[in-house]
Amino acid sequence: MDQITTEDFSEEQQEVLKSIRVSKIILPILIGIAVVGYLLWQQFDPIAFSKINWNGHTLFWIAASIILLIVRHIAYATRLRILSGGEFSWKKCVELIFIWEFSSAVSPTSVGGTATALFVLAQEKLSAAKTTTLVIYTAILDTIFFVGTLPILLVLFGPTVIRPNLSSWSNLDGWGYAFVGAYILMASYGTLFFYGLFINPNQLKRFLSWITSFRLLKRFHEKGVKLGTDIVVASKEMKNERWPFHISAFLATATAWSCRFLLLNCLIIAIVDQTSTDFYTQASLYGRLETMFVIMAFSPTPGGAGFAEIVFGGFLKDFVPEGISLIIAFMWRGLTYYAYLIAGVVVVPNWVRNLINRRKAAK
């Protein structure tokens, strides 16, 4: 993609294109290799690895995890088709999700691919109002899923759903506090944007303008005002939607996120023979994975590269023996992260090439 000409784009658009160029995969891959190499040196147990039975049971559950990966991608594509009002074909939705996932994979997890999503959707002839609405509502739906399901998991399984050694709320460790802080932050901005989108967008616009006028946040003032304006536009767009629209969008969201975590359930069942498949065990494992992701969501590295592999063993040490935890972590990241980096090498340059060709043809 670095050879494709982009002079016809604005400076801001060129910055977005640079953020998804193929060369961006180098840093997360190097970080991942460095961390995995170090962990292999520190933790790998060849004896434990030799005891893994690569039999029909193992292959079945690995195949199940791959199927869940595909279902997850289709669920995201379904949500995109719903939120776009059917303006994108199924093929286009699948392609755009690849680009969205790739942009998230090469950006710090705490930043995500929002700017890229806005740019990409705008190039696909989606109206500015619908584009803004789609991206903002997507973030709200994701937040609703986590904010709504995590309290249920905490009630069912207690603080051990955060870390295996947390027997009570009184002995929260650093990771426990990190989870609580991340959850509060997630719930706060989710509530804020929900209020702005569905209740009082103008009030939120004034709030964003006011809070970014302080000296420490002054450099974000222009973006804050723009975000407030976007929310007002999105709110007007959302008023036309009925309950079936919201329910179907949330179901697609819940399916996508559930598949993300259940995929790892399947990998653990595949590799760790003694893993029970009863509902309680698998539900508690699922809960642990969801809480782990909440903390990972604020990783400073691209796509959580390296950070995810580090936290994996500690979060799941009561489910996965230390000697083989890195093997499962590598398989998990290979399917859900590095696969999208590789797919992006093909999908993203092709999309940009077609975009430039369309612009040239329109002249």
Foldseek 3Di string as FASTA:
>chain_A
DVPDDDVVDDPLLVVLLVLLDLVLVVVLVVLQVVLLVVLCVVFADVVLVVPFDPDPLLVVLLVVLLVLLVLLLQLQLQLVCLLLVNPDDSVRSSLLSLSQQSSLQSAQLLVGSLSNQLSVVVLVVRDNLSSLLSSLVLLLLLLCLLLVVLVVLCVVPNPVLAFVPDPHPVPQDPSSVLLVVLNVVSVVVSVLLCCLQAPNLQVSLVVLLVVCVDPVNVVCNVVSNVNSVSSVSSSVVCVPDDPVSVVSSSVSSNSSVLSLLVSLVSNLVSGPVPQDPDPVSSSSSSSLSSSLVSSCSNGRGRNSRSVQLVVQCRSQVVSDPRNCSSVSSCSSCVSSRVVSSVVSNPSVVVSVVVSVVVVVVVD
